[in-house]
N, C-alpha and C. Protein backbone atom coordinates (compact mmCIF):
# COMPACT_ATOMS: atom_id res chain seq x y z
N MET A 1 -23.22 -11.73 69.32
CA MET A 1 -23.27 -12.42 70.61
C MET A 1 -21.97 -12.58 71.28
N GLU A 2 -21.98 -12.61 72.59
CA GLU A 2 -20.66 -12.91 73.36
C GLU A 2 -20.28 -14.24 73.09
N SER A 3 -21.15 -15.22 72.77
CA SER A 3 -20.70 -16.48 72.49
C SER A 3 -19.79 -16.63 71.30
N ASP A 4 -19.89 -15.66 70.37
CA ASP A 4 -18.87 -15.67 69.23
C ASP A 4 -17.50 -15.57 69.74
N ARG A 5 -17.30 -14.62 70.70
CA ARG A 5 -15.83 -14.57 71.30
C ARG A 5 -15.55 -15.82 72.03
N ALA A 6 -16.43 -16.27 72.78
CA ALA A 6 -16.19 -17.54 73.53
C ALA A 6 -15.77 -18.63 72.66
N SER A 7 -16.44 -18.74 71.46
CA SER A 7 -16.13 -19.84 70.63
C SER A 7 -14.71 -19.78 70.08
N GLN A 8 -14.11 -18.62 70.08
CA GLN A 8 -12.71 -18.55 69.57
C GLN A 8 -11.70 -18.73 70.56
N ALA A 9 -12.05 -19.00 71.87
CA ALA A 9 -11.09 -19.24 72.87
C ALA A 9 -10.40 -20.59 72.81
N ALA A 10 -9.19 -20.70 73.06
CA ALA A 10 -8.49 -22.02 73.00
C ALA A 10 -8.96 -22.90 74.11
N PRO A 11 -9.30 -24.17 73.84
CA PRO A 11 -9.82 -25.15 74.86
C PRO A 11 -8.65 -25.45 75.72
N ALA A 12 -9.12 -25.64 77.00
CA ALA A 12 -8.17 -26.28 77.95
C ALA A 12 -8.14 -27.84 77.72
N PRO A 13 -7.23 -28.61 78.34
CA PRO A 13 -7.22 -30.04 78.17
C PRO A 13 -8.61 -30.60 78.50
N PRO A 14 -9.11 -31.54 77.79
CA PRO A 14 -10.51 -31.95 77.83
C PRO A 14 -10.80 -32.61 79.11
N ILE A 15 -11.99 -32.72 79.52
CA ILE A 15 -12.56 -33.58 80.55
C ILE A 15 -12.91 -34.88 79.98
N VAL A 16 -12.17 -35.96 80.25
CA VAL A 16 -12.39 -37.31 79.71
C VAL A 16 -13.56 -37.89 80.45
N VAL A 17 -14.71 -37.88 79.82
CA VAL A 17 -15.88 -38.28 80.48
C VAL A 17 -15.90 -39.80 81.13
N PRO A 18 -15.47 -40.69 80.20
CA PRO A 18 -15.40 -42.16 80.74
C PRO A 18 -14.50 -42.41 81.96
N GLU A 19 -13.50 -41.50 82.17
CA GLU A 19 -12.70 -41.62 83.37
C GLU A 19 -13.40 -41.20 84.58
N LEU A 20 -14.30 -40.36 84.55
CA LEU A 20 -15.11 -39.83 85.65
C LEU A 20 -16.31 -40.61 85.87
N ARG A 21 -17.08 -40.89 84.80
CA ARG A 21 -18.26 -41.65 84.63
C ARG A 21 -19.40 -41.06 85.37
N ASP A 22 -19.45 -40.66 86.54
CA ASP A 22 -20.64 -40.15 87.28
C ASP A 22 -20.86 -38.71 86.80
N TYR A 23 -22.15 -38.42 86.45
CA TYR A 23 -22.39 -37.09 85.93
C TYR A 23 -22.19 -35.99 87.01
N GLN A 24 -22.36 -36.35 88.24
CA GLN A 24 -22.03 -35.30 89.28
C GLN A 24 -20.55 -35.03 89.33
N GLN A 25 -19.75 -35.97 89.31
CA GLN A 25 -18.34 -35.69 89.19
C GLN A 25 -17.99 -34.92 88.00
N ILE A 26 -18.44 -35.21 86.82
CA ILE A 26 -18.24 -34.66 85.57
C ILE A 26 -18.57 -33.19 85.63
N ASN A 27 -19.81 -32.85 86.15
CA ASN A 27 -20.33 -31.47 86.20
C ASN A 27 -19.61 -30.70 87.27
N ALA A 28 -19.09 -31.37 88.40
CA ALA A 28 -18.34 -30.65 89.34
C ALA A 28 -16.98 -30.22 88.83
N GLU A 29 -16.39 -31.17 88.10
CA GLU A 29 -15.12 -30.75 87.35
C GLU A 29 -15.31 -29.58 86.39
N LEU A 30 -16.42 -29.64 85.67
CA LEU A 30 -16.79 -28.53 84.75
C LEU A 30 -16.84 -27.24 85.43
N VAL A 31 -17.67 -27.23 86.54
CA VAL A 31 -17.72 -25.97 87.35
C VAL A 31 -16.47 -25.51 87.82
N ARG A 32 -15.64 -26.48 88.41
CA ARG A 32 -14.32 -26.07 88.82
C ARG A 32 -13.52 -25.37 87.85
N ARG A 33 -13.56 -25.84 86.58
CA ARG A 33 -12.70 -25.15 85.53
C ARG A 33 -13.34 -23.80 85.23
N LEU A 34 -14.57 -23.77 85.17
CA LEU A 34 -15.26 -22.45 84.82
C LEU A 34 -14.90 -21.49 85.94
N ASN A 35 -14.91 -21.95 87.17
CA ASN A 35 -14.60 -21.01 88.26
C ASN A 35 -13.15 -20.49 88.22
N LEU A 36 -12.34 -21.31 87.60
CA LEU A 36 -10.90 -20.98 87.41
C LEU A 36 -10.71 -20.05 86.23
N GLY A 37 -11.75 -19.78 85.46
CA GLY A 37 -11.74 -18.87 84.36
C GLY A 37 -11.61 -19.50 82.90
N ALA A 38 -11.79 -20.82 82.91
CA ALA A 38 -11.74 -21.43 81.61
C ALA A 38 -12.90 -20.78 80.68
N ARG A 39 -12.48 -20.55 79.46
CA ARG A 39 -13.38 -20.01 78.39
C ARG A 39 -13.91 -21.04 77.49
N HIS A 40 -13.23 -22.21 77.42
CA HIS A 40 -13.55 -23.26 76.43
C HIS A 40 -13.22 -24.64 77.03
N VAL A 41 -14.29 -25.40 77.26
CA VAL A 41 -14.03 -26.71 77.93
C VAL A 41 -14.76 -27.72 77.05
N ARG A 42 -14.01 -28.87 76.84
CA ARG A 42 -14.47 -29.95 75.98
C ARG A 42 -14.64 -31.14 76.78
N LEU A 43 -15.83 -31.76 76.73
CA LEU A 43 -16.19 -33.00 77.29
C LEU A 43 -15.98 -34.14 76.22
N GLU A 44 -14.97 -34.97 76.43
CA GLU A 44 -14.53 -35.95 75.49
C GLU A 44 -14.95 -37.30 75.78
N GLY A 45 -15.28 -38.10 74.77
CA GLY A 45 -15.63 -39.48 74.89
C GLY A 45 -17.09 -39.73 75.42
N VAL A 46 -17.90 -38.72 75.12
CA VAL A 46 -19.32 -38.83 75.64
C VAL A 46 -20.10 -39.93 74.84
N ASP A 47 -20.70 -40.84 75.57
CA ASP A 47 -21.40 -41.89 74.99
C ASP A 47 -22.59 -42.30 75.81
N GLY A 48 -23.62 -41.46 75.73
CA GLY A 48 -24.95 -41.86 76.48
C GLY A 48 -25.00 -41.36 77.86
N GLN A 49 -24.04 -40.64 78.39
CA GLN A 49 -24.02 -40.27 79.83
C GLN A 49 -25.19 -39.24 79.99
N ARG A 50 -25.93 -39.41 81.17
CA ARG A 50 -27.09 -38.60 81.33
C ARG A 50 -26.71 -37.29 82.13
N LEU A 51 -27.55 -36.32 82.14
CA LEU A 51 -27.48 -35.04 82.83
C LEU A 51 -26.15 -34.28 82.78
N LEU A 52 -25.49 -34.41 81.64
CA LEU A 52 -24.26 -33.57 81.44
C LEU A 52 -24.53 -32.11 81.38
N VAL A 53 -23.82 -31.33 81.99
CA VAL A 53 -23.91 -29.89 82.10
C VAL A 53 -25.28 -29.46 82.60
N SER A 54 -25.75 -30.28 83.54
CA SER A 54 -27.08 -30.02 84.07
C SER A 54 -27.08 -29.37 85.51
N ARG A 55 -28.08 -28.64 85.81
CA ARG A 55 -28.33 -28.06 87.21
C ARG A 55 -27.05 -27.17 87.57
N ILE A 56 -26.47 -26.51 86.62
CA ILE A 56 -25.40 -25.55 86.98
C ILE A 56 -25.77 -24.10 86.68
N ALA A 57 -25.25 -23.26 87.63
CA ALA A 57 -25.71 -21.85 87.41
C ALA A 57 -24.53 -21.00 87.74
N GLY A 58 -24.38 -19.92 87.02
CA GLY A 58 -23.23 -19.02 87.20
C GLY A 58 -23.22 -17.93 86.14
N ALA A 59 -22.20 -17.02 86.41
CA ALA A 59 -22.09 -15.87 85.51
C ALA A 59 -20.88 -16.02 84.51
N TRP A 60 -20.43 -17.33 84.30
CA TRP A 60 -19.19 -17.58 83.39
C TRP A 60 -19.57 -17.24 81.96
N ARG A 61 -18.63 -16.85 81.30
CA ARG A 61 -18.74 -16.66 79.85
C ARG A 61 -17.80 -17.61 79.12
N ALA A 62 -18.35 -18.66 78.57
CA ALA A 62 -17.66 -19.85 78.02
C ALA A 62 -18.29 -20.68 77.08
N LEU A 63 -17.64 -21.40 76.27
CA LEU A 63 -18.17 -22.45 75.47
C LEU A 63 -17.89 -23.78 76.01
N ILE A 64 -18.91 -24.64 76.03
CA ILE A 64 -18.77 -26.01 76.42
C ILE A 64 -19.03 -26.96 75.22
N GLU A 65 -18.01 -27.74 74.82
CA GLU A 65 -18.30 -28.61 73.68
C GLU A 65 -18.53 -30.12 74.31
N VAL A 66 -19.52 -30.77 73.77
CA VAL A 66 -19.78 -32.06 74.15
C VAL A 66 -19.50 -32.96 72.91
N ASP A 67 -18.41 -33.72 72.99
CA ASP A 67 -17.92 -34.52 71.88
C ASP A 67 -18.45 -35.85 71.92
N GLY A 68 -19.49 -36.23 71.27
CA GLY A 68 -20.16 -37.46 71.17
C GLY A 68 -21.65 -37.38 71.36
N ASN A 69 -22.26 -38.53 71.65
CA ASN A 69 -23.74 -38.56 71.73
C ASN A 69 -24.10 -38.57 73.16
N ALA A 70 -24.85 -37.43 73.61
CA ALA A 70 -25.18 -37.20 75.01
C ALA A 70 -26.51 -38.20 75.39
N GLY A 71 -26.54 -38.44 76.54
CA GLY A 71 -27.73 -39.15 77.10
C GLY A 71 -28.91 -38.35 77.49
N PRO A 72 -29.75 -38.66 78.27
CA PRO A 72 -30.92 -37.95 78.65
C PRO A 72 -30.61 -36.59 79.36
N GLU A 73 -31.35 -35.63 79.12
CA GLU A 73 -31.33 -34.39 79.81
C GLU A 73 -30.14 -33.62 79.80
N LEU A 74 -29.54 -33.56 78.66
CA LEU A 74 -28.38 -32.71 78.46
C LEU A 74 -28.74 -31.20 78.79
N ALA A 75 -27.94 -30.60 79.70
CA ALA A 75 -28.10 -29.15 79.93
C ALA A 75 -29.48 -28.81 80.64
N ALA A 76 -29.90 -29.92 81.35
CA ALA A 76 -31.21 -29.64 82.14
C ALA A 76 -31.02 -28.66 83.24
N GLU A 77 -32.04 -27.79 83.29
CA GLU A 77 -32.03 -26.75 84.36
C GLU A 77 -30.73 -25.88 84.38
N LEU A 78 -30.19 -25.71 83.18
CA LEU A 78 -28.99 -24.76 83.01
C LEU A 78 -29.54 -23.37 83.35
N ASP A 79 -28.71 -22.62 84.05
CA ASP A 79 -29.02 -21.20 84.40
C ASP A 79 -27.76 -20.44 84.42
N ALA A 80 -27.19 -20.21 83.19
CA ALA A 80 -25.92 -19.54 83.02
C ALA A 80 -26.07 -18.65 81.72
N PRO A 81 -26.41 -17.35 81.88
CA PRO A 81 -26.79 -16.63 80.63
C PRO A 81 -25.75 -16.62 79.63
N ASP A 82 -24.42 -16.57 80.04
CA ASP A 82 -23.35 -16.46 78.92
C ASP A 82 -22.62 -17.76 78.77
N LEU A 83 -23.32 -18.90 79.03
CA LEU A 83 -22.71 -20.13 78.68
C LEU A 83 -23.28 -20.74 77.41
N THR A 84 -22.51 -21.24 76.57
CA THR A 84 -22.99 -21.87 75.31
C THR A 84 -22.55 -23.30 75.37
N VAL A 85 -23.53 -24.21 75.21
CA VAL A 85 -23.27 -25.64 75.20
C VAL A 85 -23.56 -26.17 73.69
N VAL A 86 -22.41 -26.81 73.21
CA VAL A 86 -22.58 -27.33 71.78
C VAL A 86 -22.39 -28.74 71.87
N CYS A 87 -23.38 -29.52 71.37
CA CYS A 87 -23.33 -31.01 71.41
C CYS A 87 -23.04 -31.39 69.98
N ARG A 88 -21.87 -32.00 69.74
CA ARG A 88 -21.35 -32.39 68.28
C ARG A 88 -22.15 -33.53 67.73
N GLY A 89 -22.75 -34.41 68.66
CA GLY A 89 -23.53 -35.54 68.12
C GLY A 89 -24.98 -35.41 68.49
N SER A 90 -25.56 -36.49 68.89
CA SER A 90 -27.05 -36.48 69.17
C SER A 90 -27.28 -36.28 70.58
N ALA A 91 -28.47 -36.05 70.95
CA ALA A 91 -28.83 -35.97 72.43
C ALA A 91 -30.32 -36.69 72.62
N ALA A 92 -30.23 -37.33 73.71
CA ALA A 92 -31.36 -38.34 74.04
C ALA A 92 -32.58 -37.40 74.63
N ASP A 93 -33.45 -38.06 75.13
CA ASP A 93 -34.72 -37.38 75.57
C ASP A 93 -34.42 -36.29 76.46
N GLY A 94 -35.25 -35.26 76.50
CA GLY A 94 -35.32 -34.24 77.52
C GLY A 94 -34.16 -33.31 77.49
N ALA A 95 -33.50 -33.11 76.36
CA ALA A 95 -32.33 -32.06 76.23
C ALA A 95 -32.94 -30.70 76.44
N GLY A 96 -32.16 -29.96 77.36
CA GLY A 96 -32.74 -28.65 77.67
C GLY A 96 -33.82 -28.60 78.64
N ARG A 97 -34.18 -29.66 79.29
CA ARG A 97 -35.32 -29.70 80.11
C ARG A 97 -35.16 -28.58 81.21
N GLY A 98 -36.12 -27.70 81.35
CA GLY A 98 -36.07 -26.66 82.41
C GLY A 98 -34.95 -25.70 82.25
N LEU A 99 -34.51 -25.58 81.06
CA LEU A 99 -33.40 -24.56 80.79
C LEU A 99 -33.93 -23.13 81.15
N ALA A 100 -33.19 -22.35 81.93
CA ALA A 100 -33.58 -21.13 82.32
C ALA A 100 -32.73 -20.02 81.67
N ALA A 101 -31.54 -20.22 81.46
CA ALA A 101 -30.67 -19.21 80.74
C ALA A 101 -29.47 -19.90 80.19
N GLY A 102 -28.91 -19.36 79.14
CA GLY A 102 -27.86 -20.04 78.45
C GLY A 102 -28.29 -20.46 77.01
N ARG A 103 -27.40 -21.06 76.31
CA ARG A 103 -27.67 -21.46 74.93
C ARG A 103 -27.24 -22.90 74.76
N LEU A 104 -28.05 -23.74 74.09
CA LEU A 104 -27.76 -25.14 73.84
C LEU A 104 -28.00 -25.36 72.33
N PHE A 105 -26.93 -25.80 71.70
CA PHE A 105 -26.88 -26.26 70.23
C PHE A 105 -26.67 -27.71 70.15
N ILE A 106 -27.49 -28.43 69.29
CA ILE A 106 -27.38 -29.83 69.12
C ILE A 106 -27.23 -30.06 67.62
N GLY A 107 -26.09 -30.59 67.23
CA GLY A 107 -25.90 -30.81 65.82
C GLY A 107 -26.41 -32.04 65.18
N GLY A 108 -26.74 -33.10 66.01
CA GLY A 108 -27.32 -34.34 65.53
C GLY A 108 -28.78 -34.33 65.99
N GLU A 109 -29.31 -35.64 65.92
CA GLU A 109 -30.75 -35.78 66.31
C GLU A 109 -30.95 -35.63 67.69
N ALA A 110 -32.11 -35.20 68.12
CA ALA A 110 -32.46 -35.12 69.52
C ALA A 110 -33.75 -35.99 69.76
N GLY A 111 -33.84 -36.46 70.94
CA GLY A 111 -34.94 -37.41 71.33
C GLY A 111 -36.27 -36.68 71.65
N ALA A 112 -37.12 -37.34 72.31
CA ALA A 112 -38.38 -36.75 72.66
C ALA A 112 -38.25 -35.59 73.69
N ALA A 113 -39.16 -34.65 73.64
CA ALA A 113 -39.39 -33.69 74.66
C ALA A 113 -38.11 -32.71 74.76
N ILE A 114 -37.47 -32.40 73.69
CA ILE A 114 -36.47 -31.41 73.73
C ILE A 114 -37.24 -30.10 74.28
N GLY A 115 -36.49 -29.35 75.21
CA GLY A 115 -37.04 -28.08 75.64
C GLY A 115 -38.25 -28.19 76.57
N TYR A 116 -38.46 -29.45 77.10
CA TYR A 116 -39.58 -29.68 78.07
C TYR A 116 -39.41 -28.72 79.22
N PHE A 117 -40.43 -27.98 79.49
CA PHE A 117 -40.59 -27.01 80.55
C PHE A 117 -39.45 -25.81 80.53
N GLN A 118 -39.03 -25.64 79.30
CA GLN A 118 -38.01 -24.48 79.12
C GLN A 118 -38.54 -23.22 79.67
N ARG A 119 -37.78 -22.48 80.40
CA ARG A 119 -38.11 -21.25 81.07
C ARG A 119 -37.47 -20.06 80.38
N GLY A 120 -36.35 -20.16 79.78
CA GLY A 120 -35.59 -19.08 79.12
C GLY A 120 -34.63 -19.63 78.21
N GLY A 121 -33.61 -18.67 77.77
CA GLY A 121 -32.40 -19.04 77.06
C GLY A 121 -32.83 -19.43 75.66
N LEU A 122 -31.80 -20.12 74.96
CA LEU A 122 -32.06 -20.58 73.56
C LEU A 122 -31.62 -22.06 73.36
N ILE A 123 -32.39 -22.76 72.71
CA ILE A 123 -32.22 -24.07 72.27
C ILE A 123 -32.28 -24.22 70.74
N VAL A 124 -31.24 -24.74 70.05
CA VAL A 124 -31.29 -24.87 68.64
C VAL A 124 -30.97 -26.31 68.37
N ALA A 125 -31.87 -26.94 67.58
CA ALA A 125 -31.60 -28.38 67.15
C ALA A 125 -31.46 -28.34 65.73
N VAL A 126 -30.28 -28.76 65.16
CA VAL A 126 -30.05 -28.79 63.71
C VAL A 126 -30.56 -29.99 63.06
N GLY A 127 -30.47 -31.05 63.75
CA GLY A 127 -31.09 -32.37 63.18
C GLY A 127 -32.50 -32.67 63.51
N ASP A 128 -32.99 -33.87 63.16
CA ASP A 128 -34.47 -34.20 63.48
C ASP A 128 -34.65 -34.24 65.03
N VAL A 129 -35.84 -33.98 65.44
CA VAL A 129 -36.08 -34.08 66.83
C VAL A 129 -37.40 -35.02 67.05
N GLY A 130 -37.48 -35.68 68.17
CA GLY A 130 -38.60 -36.51 68.43
C GLY A 130 -39.92 -35.81 68.74
N PRO A 131 -40.85 -36.57 69.31
CA PRO A 131 -42.12 -35.98 69.55
C PRO A 131 -42.08 -35.12 70.82
N ARG A 132 -43.09 -34.27 70.93
CA ARG A 132 -43.42 -33.50 72.13
C ARG A 132 -42.29 -32.48 72.34
N ALA A 133 -41.67 -31.90 71.34
CA ALA A 133 -40.75 -30.77 71.55
C ALA A 133 -41.45 -29.68 72.05
N GLY A 134 -40.72 -28.97 73.04
CA GLY A 134 -41.37 -27.81 73.68
C GLY A 134 -42.61 -28.12 74.60
N LEU A 135 -42.73 -29.36 75.07
CA LEU A 135 -43.75 -29.66 75.98
C LEU A 135 -43.75 -28.72 77.19
N ASP A 136 -44.91 -28.11 77.46
CA ASP A 136 -45.02 -27.29 78.64
C ASP A 136 -43.99 -26.08 78.69
N GLN A 137 -43.58 -25.70 77.47
CA GLN A 137 -42.61 -24.49 77.43
C GLN A 137 -43.23 -23.29 78.13
N LEU A 138 -42.41 -22.71 78.97
CA LEU A 138 -42.95 -21.45 79.60
C LEU A 138 -42.21 -20.19 79.15
N GLY A 139 -41.06 -20.25 78.52
CA GLY A 139 -40.34 -19.11 78.04
C GLY A 139 -39.17 -19.51 77.13
N GLY A 140 -38.37 -18.58 76.79
CA GLY A 140 -37.22 -18.84 75.97
C GLY A 140 -37.57 -19.02 74.56
N ASP A 141 -36.51 -19.52 73.78
CA ASP A 141 -36.68 -19.69 72.36
C ASP A 141 -36.25 -21.10 72.00
N LEU A 142 -37.07 -21.91 71.32
CA LEU A 142 -36.73 -23.17 70.89
C LEU A 142 -36.73 -23.15 69.38
N VAL A 143 -35.61 -23.47 68.76
CA VAL A 143 -35.53 -23.41 67.25
C VAL A 143 -35.22 -24.78 66.72
N LEU A 144 -36.14 -25.22 65.84
CA LEU A 144 -36.09 -26.57 65.35
C LEU A 144 -35.87 -26.48 63.77
N LEU A 145 -34.67 -26.89 63.28
CA LEU A 145 -34.27 -26.69 61.95
C LEU A 145 -34.54 -27.88 60.96
N ASP A 146 -34.97 -29.02 61.48
CA ASP A 146 -35.34 -30.20 60.59
C ASP A 146 -36.59 -30.72 60.94
N LYS A 147 -36.78 -32.09 60.69
CA LYS A 147 -38.05 -32.74 61.03
C LYS A 147 -38.39 -32.75 62.47
N VAL A 148 -39.57 -32.52 62.87
CA VAL A 148 -40.10 -32.51 64.07
C VAL A 148 -41.20 -33.59 64.31
N GLY A 149 -41.11 -34.25 65.45
CA GLY A 149 -42.17 -35.30 65.70
C GLY A 149 -43.49 -34.70 66.07
N ALA A 150 -44.48 -35.65 66.40
CA ALA A 150 -45.84 -35.13 66.77
C ALA A 150 -45.92 -34.44 68.07
N LEU A 151 -46.89 -33.60 68.09
CA LEU A 151 -47.22 -32.86 69.40
C LEU A 151 -46.24 -31.86 69.79
N ALA A 152 -45.61 -31.21 68.78
CA ALA A 152 -44.65 -30.06 69.11
C ALA A 152 -45.45 -29.04 69.74
N GLY A 153 -44.91 -28.39 70.76
CA GLY A 153 -45.60 -27.29 71.41
C GLY A 153 -46.77 -27.72 72.24
N GLU A 154 -46.87 -28.88 72.62
CA GLU A 154 -48.06 -29.35 73.54
C GLU A 154 -47.94 -28.61 74.72
N ARG A 155 -49.13 -28.02 75.14
CA ARG A 155 -49.38 -27.44 76.39
C ARG A 155 -48.44 -26.18 76.55
N GLN A 156 -47.99 -25.62 75.43
CA GLN A 156 -47.21 -24.38 75.46
C GLN A 156 -47.80 -23.24 76.30
N ALA A 157 -47.02 -22.65 77.11
CA ALA A 157 -47.62 -21.55 78.07
C ALA A 157 -46.88 -20.35 77.83
N GLY A 158 -45.77 -20.38 77.00
CA GLY A 158 -44.89 -19.09 76.90
C GLY A 158 -43.80 -19.37 75.88
N GLY A 159 -43.06 -18.31 75.64
CA GLY A 159 -41.92 -18.47 74.78
C GLY A 159 -42.22 -18.64 73.28
N ARG A 160 -41.20 -18.75 72.50
CA ARG A 160 -41.34 -19.00 71.08
C ARG A 160 -40.79 -20.29 70.64
N LEU A 161 -41.54 -21.04 69.89
CA LEU A 161 -41.08 -22.27 69.22
C LEU A 161 -41.10 -22.17 67.75
N PHE A 162 -39.85 -22.09 67.07
CA PHE A 162 -39.79 -21.98 65.63
C PHE A 162 -39.62 -23.46 65.03
N PHE A 163 -40.32 -23.60 63.88
CA PHE A 163 -40.04 -24.90 63.08
C PHE A 163 -40.15 -24.58 61.64
N LYS A 164 -39.70 -25.51 60.90
CA LYS A 164 -39.70 -25.33 59.49
C LYS A 164 -41.18 -25.73 58.88
N GLN A 165 -41.62 -24.93 58.00
CA GLN A 165 -42.96 -25.09 57.53
C GLN A 165 -42.94 -26.52 56.81
N GLY A 166 -43.99 -27.27 57.13
CA GLY A 166 -44.12 -28.57 56.45
C GLY A 166 -43.32 -29.67 57.02
N ARG A 167 -42.54 -29.37 58.14
CA ARG A 167 -41.69 -30.38 58.65
C ARG A 167 -42.13 -30.88 60.09
N THR A 168 -43.39 -30.57 60.50
CA THR A 168 -43.84 -31.01 61.80
C THR A 168 -44.67 -32.22 61.73
N GLY A 169 -44.75 -33.07 62.65
CA GLY A 169 -45.73 -34.13 62.78
C GLY A 169 -46.99 -33.62 63.17
N PRO A 170 -48.05 -34.49 63.37
CA PRO A 170 -49.36 -34.11 63.64
C PRO A 170 -49.50 -33.45 65.03
N HIS A 171 -50.67 -32.77 65.14
CA HIS A 171 -51.07 -32.23 66.41
C HIS A 171 -50.16 -31.19 67.10
N ALA A 172 -49.51 -30.40 66.32
CA ALA A 172 -48.61 -29.31 66.85
C ALA A 172 -49.52 -28.32 67.54
N GLY A 173 -49.07 -27.92 68.70
CA GLY A 173 -49.78 -26.97 69.52
C GLY A 173 -50.97 -27.48 70.34
N HIS A 174 -51.12 -28.84 70.44
CA HIS A 174 -52.21 -29.44 71.16
C HIS A 174 -52.26 -28.91 72.61
N GLY A 175 -53.40 -28.43 73.12
CA GLY A 175 -53.51 -27.85 74.39
C GLY A 175 -52.77 -26.73 74.79
N ARG A 176 -52.34 -26.01 73.73
CA ARG A 176 -51.54 -24.80 73.99
C ARG A 176 -52.33 -23.72 74.62
N ARG A 177 -51.71 -22.97 75.51
CA ARG A 177 -52.40 -21.92 76.28
C ARG A 177 -51.87 -20.49 75.98
N ALA A 178 -50.56 -20.46 75.70
CA ALA A 178 -50.06 -19.08 75.44
C ALA A 178 -48.65 -19.37 74.57
N GLY A 179 -47.89 -18.31 74.45
CA GLY A 179 -46.59 -18.40 73.69
C GLY A 179 -46.95 -18.44 72.26
N ARG A 180 -45.96 -18.64 71.44
CA ARG A 180 -45.99 -18.63 70.04
C ARG A 180 -45.43 -19.75 69.37
N LEU A 181 -46.14 -20.28 68.34
CA LEU A 181 -45.54 -21.30 67.35
C LEU A 181 -45.29 -20.58 66.10
N ILE A 182 -44.08 -20.62 65.56
CA ILE A 182 -43.77 -19.72 64.45
C ILE A 182 -43.20 -20.62 63.31
N ALA A 183 -43.80 -20.67 62.27
CA ALA A 183 -43.37 -21.46 61.03
C ALA A 183 -42.23 -20.66 60.24
N LEU A 184 -41.22 -21.20 60.07
CA LEU A 184 -40.15 -20.66 59.14
C LEU A 184 -40.30 -21.13 57.77
N PRO A 185 -40.08 -20.28 56.77
CA PRO A 185 -40.15 -20.80 55.43
C PRO A 185 -39.16 -21.88 55.14
N SER A 186 -39.31 -22.85 54.33
CA SER A 186 -38.37 -23.84 54.07
C SER A 186 -37.13 -23.36 53.43
N GLU A 187 -37.31 -22.34 52.68
CA GLU A 187 -36.03 -21.69 51.98
C GLU A 187 -36.06 -20.19 52.39
N ARG A 188 -34.83 -19.65 52.21
CA ARG A 188 -34.66 -18.20 52.47
C ARG A 188 -35.46 -17.51 51.28
N PRO A 189 -35.78 -16.19 51.40
CA PRO A 189 -35.44 -15.39 52.69
C PRO A 189 -36.42 -15.53 53.81
N LEU A 190 -35.87 -15.52 54.88
CA LEU A 190 -36.69 -15.68 56.16
C LEU A 190 -37.60 -14.46 56.41
N ALA A 191 -37.14 -13.37 56.07
CA ALA A 191 -37.92 -12.14 56.41
C ALA A 191 -39.33 -12.12 55.92
N ALA A 192 -39.67 -13.06 54.99
CA ALA A 192 -40.97 -12.81 54.36
C ALA A 192 -42.17 -12.84 55.28
N ASN A 193 -42.14 -13.78 56.39
CA ASN A 193 -43.14 -13.86 57.32
C ASN A 193 -42.79 -13.77 58.78
N LEU A 194 -41.63 -12.97 59.06
CA LEU A 194 -41.19 -12.83 60.36
C LEU A 194 -41.20 -11.38 60.79
N ASP A 195 -41.57 -11.05 62.06
CA ASP A 195 -41.38 -9.68 62.47
C ASP A 195 -40.00 -9.46 62.82
N GLN A 196 -39.66 -8.21 63.16
CA GLN A 196 -38.18 -7.88 63.26
C GLN A 196 -37.55 -8.60 64.30
N ASP A 197 -38.15 -8.76 65.52
CA ASP A 197 -37.49 -9.46 66.55
C ASP A 197 -37.23 -10.87 66.36
N ASP A 198 -38.29 -11.53 65.68
CA ASP A 198 -38.14 -12.94 65.27
C ASP A 198 -37.00 -13.15 64.31
N TYR A 199 -37.02 -12.28 63.29
CA TYR A 199 -35.97 -12.28 62.37
C TYR A 199 -34.59 -12.22 62.88
N ARG A 200 -34.40 -11.24 63.87
CA ARG A 200 -33.08 -11.06 64.42
C ARG A 200 -32.68 -12.29 65.08
N LEU A 201 -33.58 -12.79 65.89
CA LEU A 201 -33.26 -14.09 66.71
C LEU A 201 -32.95 -15.26 65.75
N ILE A 202 -33.62 -15.48 64.69
CA ILE A 202 -33.37 -16.63 63.89
C ILE A 202 -32.06 -16.38 63.06
N GLU A 203 -31.81 -15.21 62.64
CA GLU A 203 -30.59 -14.91 61.91
C GLU A 203 -29.40 -15.16 62.86
N ALA A 204 -29.35 -14.71 64.05
CA ALA A 204 -28.27 -14.94 65.01
C ALA A 204 -28.13 -16.35 65.36
N ALA A 205 -29.24 -17.13 65.54
CA ALA A 205 -29.23 -18.65 65.80
C ALA A 205 -28.63 -19.40 64.56
N LEU A 206 -29.05 -18.97 63.35
CA LEU A 206 -28.46 -19.70 62.21
C LEU A 206 -27.01 -19.37 61.90
N ARG A 207 -26.64 -18.14 62.27
CA ARG A 207 -25.19 -17.82 62.14
C ARG A 207 -24.36 -18.63 63.11
N LEU A 208 -24.76 -18.79 64.39
CA LEU A 208 -24.07 -19.55 65.28
C LEU A 208 -24.06 -21.04 64.94
N ALA A 209 -25.17 -21.45 64.47
CA ALA A 209 -25.35 -22.87 64.12
C ALA A 209 -24.32 -23.34 62.94
N ASN A 210 -24.25 -22.32 61.99
CA ASN A 210 -23.32 -22.54 60.91
C ASN A 210 -21.81 -22.44 61.35
N CYS A 211 -21.61 -21.64 62.36
CA CYS A 211 -20.25 -21.55 62.97
C CYS A 211 -19.90 -22.85 63.64
N PHE A 212 -20.81 -23.40 64.44
CA PHE A 212 -20.59 -24.55 65.22
C PHE A 212 -20.59 -25.93 64.29
N PHE A 213 -21.49 -25.88 63.31
CA PHE A 213 -21.62 -27.02 62.44
C PHE A 213 -21.60 -26.61 61.05
N PRO A 214 -20.37 -26.41 60.48
CA PRO A 214 -20.30 -25.81 59.13
C PRO A 214 -20.95 -26.74 58.11
N PRO A 215 -21.64 -26.30 57.13
CA PRO A 215 -22.28 -27.17 56.09
C PRO A 215 -21.11 -27.90 55.37
N ALA A 216 -21.39 -29.08 55.02
CA ALA A 216 -20.50 -30.02 54.36
C ALA A 216 -20.25 -29.46 52.89
């Protein structure tokens, strides 16, 4: 993936989030740096700020690191195919809401409705996630690698939602109309019950997750 090369780029001086405070100013500064050609930008001091890296669209090829615990709707409505957002901490409700293109990796826990109304791109949650993951998902890939709350895939209408077998709460797929819910074996080898396209996607997602969040 192109994000492999982006992850190796040296970061510019960080954006110190508490100094700017307002998410619109933070995101405007992020876009300014991306437009200047930055390949690696770090948001430093994140502590519950909402809508970080949200509603931005462009053809940049870069890695955005979110250093801390993000507030609601991290990377909401992101539409940037070659942008990879890596959250080093947790993310509150609605992470990746309406994500159209790009990649979002969350190393800590995620709140309710991760991937709500996701339209494209890739979201990977390494830690536990709350209820209603993938609510109204229309497209893209949502990969959940630990415990998942109730009602995962509720009203799913497209895309793929991957979860670990035996790690989901009750009523997964409630009201589902289309798309796919795909159970991953709790241990490798993954290929046992995956078709070729699913296997390639999961292998790539796991490889990047291990790169961004190396096992202890």
